[in-house]
C-alpha atoms as a PDB file:
ATOM      1  CA  MET A   1      -2.898  11.690 -41.979  1.00  0.00           C
ATOM      2  CA  THR A   2      -4.613  15.633 -41.879  1.00  0.00           C
ATOM      3  CA  LYS A   3      -3.048  17.767 -39.585  1.00  0.00           C
ATOM      4  CA  MET A   4      -6.290  17.991 -37.864  1.00  0.00           C
ATOM      5  CA  THR A   5      -6.101  14.308 -37.112  1.00  0.00           C
ATOM      6  CA  GLU A   6      -2.903  14.808 -36.051  1.00  0.00           C
ATOM      7  CA  PHE A   7      -3.794  17.308 -33.434  1.00  0.00           C
ATOM      8  CA  VAL A   8      -6.419  15.299 -31.971  1.00  0.00           C
ATOM      9  CA  GLY A   9      -3.665  12.649 -31.804  1.00  0.00           C
ATOM     10  CA  ALA A  10      -1.553  14.486 -30.045  1.00  0.00           C
ATOM     11  CA  THR A  11      -3.954  15.729 -27.669  1.00  0.00           C
ATOM     12  CA  ILE A  12      -5.758  12.451 -26.815  1.00  0.00           C
ATOM     13  CA  GLU A  13      -2.164  11.087 -26.299  1.00  0.00           C
ATOM     14  CA  GLU A  14      -1.174  14.151 -23.932  1.00  0.00           C
ATOM     15  CA  SER A  15      -4.448  13.593 -21.924  1.00  0.00           C
ATOM     16  CA  LEU A  16      -3.688  10.281 -21.148  1.00  0.00           C
ATOM     17  CA  LEU A  17      -0.034  10.789 -20.135  1.00  0.00           C
ATOM     18  CA  ASN A  18      -1.892  12.703 -17.115  1.00  0.00           C
ATOM     19  CA  ILE A  19      -3.676  10.180 -16.251  1.00  0.00           C
ATOM     20  CA  ASN A  20      -2.296   8.342 -13.129  1.00  0.00           C
ATOM     21  CA  THR A  21      -3.924   5.102 -12.504  1.00  0.00           C
ATOM     22  CA  CYS A  22      -1.204   2.871 -10.723  1.00  0.00           C
ATOM     23  CA  LEU A  23       2.429   3.375  -9.340  1.00  0.00           C
ATOM     24  CA  ILE A  24       4.942   1.521  -8.148  1.00  0.00           C
ATOM     25  CA  CYS A  25       7.236   4.015  -5.541  1.00  0.00           C
ATOM     26  CA  GLU A  26       9.247   4.038  -3.330  1.00  0.00           C
ATOM     27  CA  ILE A  27       8.910   5.487   0.506  1.00  0.00           C
ATOM     28  CA  LEU A  28      11.012   8.544   0.884  1.00  0.00           C
ATOM     29  CA  GLU A  29       9.534   9.240   4.414  1.00  0.00           C
ATOM     30  CA  VAL A  30       6.993   7.699   6.545  1.00  0.00           C
ATOM     31  CA  ASP A  31       4.866   9.078   9.148  1.00  0.00           C
ATOM     32  CA  MET A  32       2.725   6.083  10.969  1.00  0.00           C
ATOM     33  CA  ASN A  33       0.872   8.086  13.007  1.00  0.00           C
ATOM     34  CA  LEU A  34      -0.917   9.918  10.720  1.00  0.00           C
ATOM     35  CA  TYR A  35      -0.188   6.424   7.926  1.00  0.00           C
ATOM     36  CA  LYS A  36       1.153   8.717   5.038  1.00  0.00           C
ATOM     37  CA  ALA A  37       4.228   8.656   3.221  1.00  0.00           C
ATOM     38  CA  ASP A  38       6.169  10.702   0.779  1.00  0.00           C
ATOM     39  CA  ILE A  39       6.703   8.584  -2.231  1.00  0.00           C
ATOM     40  CA  LEU A  40       8.328   8.312  -5.543  1.00  0.00           C
ATOM     41  CA  PRO A  41       6.976   6.733  -8.561  1.00  0.00           C
ATOM     42  CA  LEU A  42      10.264   4.627  -9.863  1.00  0.00           C
ATOM     43  CA  HIS A  43      10.873   3.502 -13.584  1.00  0.00           C
ATOM     44  CA  ASP A  44      10.254   7.625 -14.945  1.00  0.00           C
ATOM     45  CA  PRO A  45      13.307   9.436 -15.236  1.00  0.00           C
ATOM     46  CA  ASP A  46      11.450  12.745 -14.663  1.00  0.00           C
ATOM     47  CA  ALA A  47       9.146  11.596 -11.812  1.00  0.00           C
ATOM     48  CA  THR A  48       8.979  14.072  -8.829  1.00  0.00           C
ATOM     49  CA  PRO A  49       8.179  13.216  -4.826  1.00  0.00           C
ATOM     50  CA  ILE A  50       4.397  12.874  -4.389  1.00  0.00           C
ATOM     51  CA  LEU A  51       4.182  14.260  -0.373  1.00  0.00           C
ATOM     52  CA  ASP A  52       1.311  13.021   1.894  1.00  0.00           C
ATOM     53  CA  VAL A  53       0.128   9.684   0.281  1.00  0.00           C
ATOM     54  CA  PRO A  54      -1.904   7.976   2.951  1.00  0.00           C
ATOM     55  CA  PHE A  55      -1.806   4.503   3.704  1.00  0.00           C
ATOM     56  CA  ALA A  56      -4.550   2.638   2.654  1.00  0.00           C
ATOM     57  CA  PHE A  57      -5.074  -0.647   4.821  1.00  0.00           C
ATOM     58  CA  TRP A  58      -7.083  -2.994   6.589  1.00  0.00           C
ATOM     59  CA  GLN A  59      -9.108  -1.308   8.821  1.00  0.00           C
ATOM     60  CA  THR A  60     -12.823  -1.421  10.362  1.00  0.00           C
ATOM     61  CA  GLU A  61     -14.440   0.565  13.026  1.00  0.00           C
ATOM     62  CA  GLN A  62     -12.859  -2.105  15.441  1.00  0.00           C
ATOM     63  CA  PHE A  63      -9.662  -3.577  14.051  1.00  0.00           C
ATOM     64  CA  VAL A  64      -6.660  -2.185  12.303  1.00  0.00           C
ATOM     65  CA  ILE A  65      -3.529  -4.198  10.982  1.00  0.00           C
ATOM     66  CA  GLN A  66      -0.710  -2.460  10.888  1.00  0.00           C
ATOM     67  CA  VAL A  67       2.656  -2.985   8.868  1.00  0.00           C
ATOM     68  CA  PRO A  68       5.225  -0.621   9.611  1.00  0.00           C
ATOM     69  CA  PHE A  69       6.202   0.453   6.195  1.00  0.00           C
ATOM     70  CA  LYS A  70      10.225   1.753   6.327  1.00  0.00           C
ATOM     71  CA  LYS A  71      11.821   4.595   4.347  1.00  0.00           C
ATOM     72  CA  GLY A  72      12.831   2.461   1.020  1.00  0.00           C
ATOM     73  CA  ASP A  73      10.380   0.198   1.000  1.00  0.00           C
ATOM     74  CA  ILE A  74       8.351  -0.475  -2.210  1.00  0.00           C
ATOM     75  CA  VAL A  75       4.837  -0.009  -2.916  1.00  0.00           C
ATOM     76  CA  LEU A  76       1.722  -0.385  -4.578  1.00  0.00           C
ATOM     77  CA  VAL A  77       0.000   3.007  -5.309  1.00  0.00           C
ATOM     78  CA  ILE A  78      -2.933   3.780  -7.002  1.00  0.00           C
ATOM     79  CA  CYS A  79      -4.991   6.983  -7.986  1.00  0.00           C
ATOM     80  CA  SER A  80      -8.389   7.538  -6.994  1.00  0.00           C
ATOM     81  CA  GLN A  81     -10.924   8.535 -10.089  1.00  0.00           C
ATOM     82  CA  ALA A  82     -11.977  11.382  -7.860  1.00  0.00           C
ATOM     83  CA  ASP A  83     -10.815  13.973  -5.390  1.00  0.00           C
ATOM     84  CA  ILE A  84     -10.116  12.338  -1.953  1.00  0.00           C
ATOM     85  CA  ASP A  85      -9.216  15.612   0.410  1.00  0.00           C
ATOM     86  CA  PRO A  86     -13.060  15.770   1.210  1.00  0.00           C
ATOM     87  CA  LEU A  87     -13.214  12.225   2.618  1.00  0.00           C
ATOM     88  CA  LEU A  88      -9.639  12.592   4.076  1.00  0.00           C
ATOM     89  CA  PHE A  89     -10.586  16.132   5.897  1.00  0.00           C
ATOM     90  CA  GLY A  90     -13.840  15.648   6.556  1.00  0.00           C
ATOM     91  CA  GLY A  91     -15.788  17.861   4.336  1.00  0.00           C
ATOM     92  CA  GLY A  92     -15.414  20.698   1.617  1.00  0.00           C
ATOM     93  CA  LYS A  93     -16.255  20.896  -2.119  1.00  0.00           C
ATOM     94  CA  ALA A  94     -14.407  17.911  -4.018  1.00  0.00           C
ATOM     95  CA  ALA A  95     -12.296  19.103  -6.900  1.00  0.00           C
ATOM     96  CA  SER A  96     -13.048  18.417 -10.541  1.00  0.00           C
ATOM     97  CA  ARG A  97      -9.669  16.696 -10.675  1.00  0.00           C
ATOM     98  CA  SER A  98      -9.596  12.673 -12.046  1.00  0.00           C
ATOM     99  CA  PHE A  99      -7.036  10.044 -11.528  1.00  0.00           C
ATOM    100  CA  SER A 100      -4.281  12.764 -10.129  1.00  0.00           C
ATOM    101  CA  ALA A 101      -1.265  11.878  -8.365  1.00  0.00           C
ATOM    102  CA  ASN A 102      -2.480  14.473  -5.769  1.00  0.00           C
ATOM    103  CA  ASP A 103      -5.372  11.751  -4.916  1.00  0.00           C
ATOM    104  CA  ALA A 104      -2.881   8.955  -4.719  1.00  0.00           C
ATOM    105  CA  LEU A 105      -3.259   6.155  -2.452  1.00  0.00           C
ATOM    106  CA  ILE A 106      -0.192   3.408  -1.021  1.00  0.00           C
ATOM    107  CA  VAL A 107      -2.004   0.059  -0.964  1.00  0.00           C
ATOM    108  CA  GLY A 108       0.265  -2.348  -0.242  1.00  0.00           C
ATOM    109  CA  GLY A 109       4.121  -3.538  -0.532  1.00  0.00           C
ATOM    110  CA  ILE A 110       5.609  -5.219  -3.862  1.00  0.00           C
ATOM    111  CA  ASN A 111       7.899  -8.166  -3.908  1.00  0.00           C
ATOM    112  CA  TYR A 112       9.876  -8.256  -7.125  1.00  0.00           C
ATOM    113  CA  PHE A 113      10.196 -11.492  -8.941  1.00  0.00           C
ATOM    114  CA  THR A 114      14.204 -10.963  -8.647  1.00  0.00           C
ATOM    115  CA  LYS A 115      13.980 -11.241  -4.873  1.00  0.00           C
ATOM    116  CA  PRO A 116      11.330 -14.622  -3.959  1.00  0.00           C
ATOM    117  CA  LEU A 117       9.671 -15.227  -0.952  1.00  0.00           C
ATOM    118  CA  ALA A 118      10.698 -19.103  -0.016  1.00  0.00           C
ATOM    119  CA  ASN A 119       6.735 -19.329   1.718  1.00  0.00           C
ATOM    120  CA  ALA A 120       6.676 -23.109   3.323  1.00  0.00           C
ATOM    121  CA  HIS A 121       3.188 -22.201   4.318  1.00  0.00           C
ATOM    122  CA  PRO A 122       1.450 -20.902   0.906  1.00  0.00           C
ATOM    123  CA  ASP A 123      -2.310 -22.119   1.896  1.00  0.00           C
ATOM    124  CA  ASN A 124      -2.127 -20.597   5.776  1.00  0.00           C
ATOM    125  CA  VAL A 125      -2.667 -17.527   6.357  1.00  0.00           C
ATOM    126  CA  ILE A 126       0.451 -15.772   7.791  1.00  0.00           C
ATOM    127  CA  ILE A 127       1.814 -12.543   9.945  1.00  0.00           C
ATOM    128  CA  THR A 128       5.437 -13.034   9.789  1.00  0.00           C
ATOM    129  CA  ASP A 129       8.666 -11.491   9.256  1.00  0.00           C
ATOM    130  CA  LYS A 130      10.538 -12.175   5.909  1.00  0.00           C
ATOM    131  CA  GLN A 131      13.129 -14.730   7.217  1.00  0.00           C
ATOM    132  CA  PHE A 132       9.524 -16.659   8.397  1.00  0.00           C
ATOM    133  CA  SER A 133      11.323 -17.629  11.701  1.00  0.00           C
ATOM    134  CA  ASN A 134       8.806 -15.965  13.784  1.00  0.00           C
ATOM    135  CA  LYS A 135       4.740 -16.199  12.561  1.00  0.00           C
ATOM    136  CA  ILE A 136       1.455 -16.397  13.362  1.00  0.00           C
ATOM    137  CA  ARG A 137      -0.179 -18.694  10.769  1.00  0.00           C
ATOM    138  CA  ILE A 138      -3.644 -19.903  10.593  1.00  0.00           C
ATOM    139  CA  GLN A 139      -4.529 -23.254   8.645  1.00  0.00           C
ATOM    140  CA  PRO A 140      -7.552 -23.750   6.725  1.00  0.00           C
ATOM    141  CA  ASN A 141      -8.784 -26.331   9.579  1.00  0.00           C
ATOM    142  CA  GLY A 142      -8.428 -23.599  11.590  1.00  0.00           C
ATOM    143  CA  GLU A 143      -5.279 -24.330  13.825  1.00  0.00           C
ATOM    144  CA  ILE A 144      -2.887 -21.501  14.877  1.00  0.00           C
ATOM    145  CA  PHE A 145       0.819 -21.528  15.147  1.00  0.00           C
ATOM    146  CA  ILE A 146       2.710 -18.892  16.985  1.00  0.00           C
ATOM    147  CA  GLU A 147       6.442 -19.525  15.906  1.00  0.00           C
ATOM    148  CA  SER A 148       9.519 -17.669  17.175  1.00  0.00           C
ATOM    149  CA  ASP A 149      13.153 -18.112  17.246  1.00  0.00           C
ATOM    150  CA  HIS A 150      12.629 -15.773  20.275  1.00  0.00           C
ATOM    151  CA  LYS A 151      10.858 -15.220  23.638  1.00  0.00           C
ATOM    152  CA  ILE A 152       6.812 -15.222  23.036  1.00  0.00           C
ATOM    153  CA  THR A 153       5.256 -12.834  25.680  1.00  0.00           C
ATOM    154  CA  ALA A 154       1.704 -12.467  26.198  1.00  0.00           C
ATOM    155  CA  ILE A 155      -0.006 -10.147  28.335  1.00  0.00           C
ATOM    156  CA  ALA A 156      -3.292 -10.003  29.847  1.00  0.00           C
ATOM    157  CA  PRO A 157      -5.029 -10.081  33.291  1.00  0.00           C
ATOM    158  CA  ALA A 158      -5.669 -13.774  33.188  1.00  0.00           C
ATOM    159  CA  ILE A 159      -4.759 -16.111  30.525  1.00  0.00           C
ATOM    160  CA  HIS A 160      -7.513 -19.143  29.910  1.00  0.00           C
ATOM    161  CA  PHE A 161      -6.661 -22.035  27.785  1.00  0.00           C
ATOM    162  CA  ASN A 162      -9.570 -24.226  26.428  1.00  0.00           C
ATOM    163  CA  PRO A 163      -8.089 -27.437  24.870  1.00  0.00           C
END
C-alpha cells in the first residue's frame, strides 16, 4: 500500500468513527415536563454524556402516549441526518452537521434478551407494567380488557355503557 492509500484509508476511517447513527444509552437524568434526558452511551468506555436529548414518542396534534422514563432506563437513541435545533426551538438557521450526537433523539426503551418479558398476549396491543399484572389490552377482534390487581377508578361527569 502506498502512503497516500494509507492516508486516505485512515482519513475515511476517522470520518466514519465520527458519524453517529444509533446508540444504546442509559438515562442519567430525565425531565418529563420537557420530555428530555441526559444520557450516556453504553458499551463505549470513552463515551461522555449527551445532554438535553429529546424524547421522540407517539404524538399527534390531539394525542400523546406518555411513557414515564426514569433514571437508569436503557433507551435506543438515533442521531438525525441534519441539525434538529431549528425544529425544536422554532426557527433559525440549521448547522451543517450530520449524524451528530448534538442531534440525538430517544426513540424508545430497549429490553435486553437477558431480561425476557413473559407476554401472555403477544397478538394484543398492551399497555402494562412489567409484571403484566395491571394492563389495558386490546384484542385483534376489538375487545378491550382492563385488568388490575388493584382498584380501578374511572373519573367522568357521566359514565355510559353500550353493551
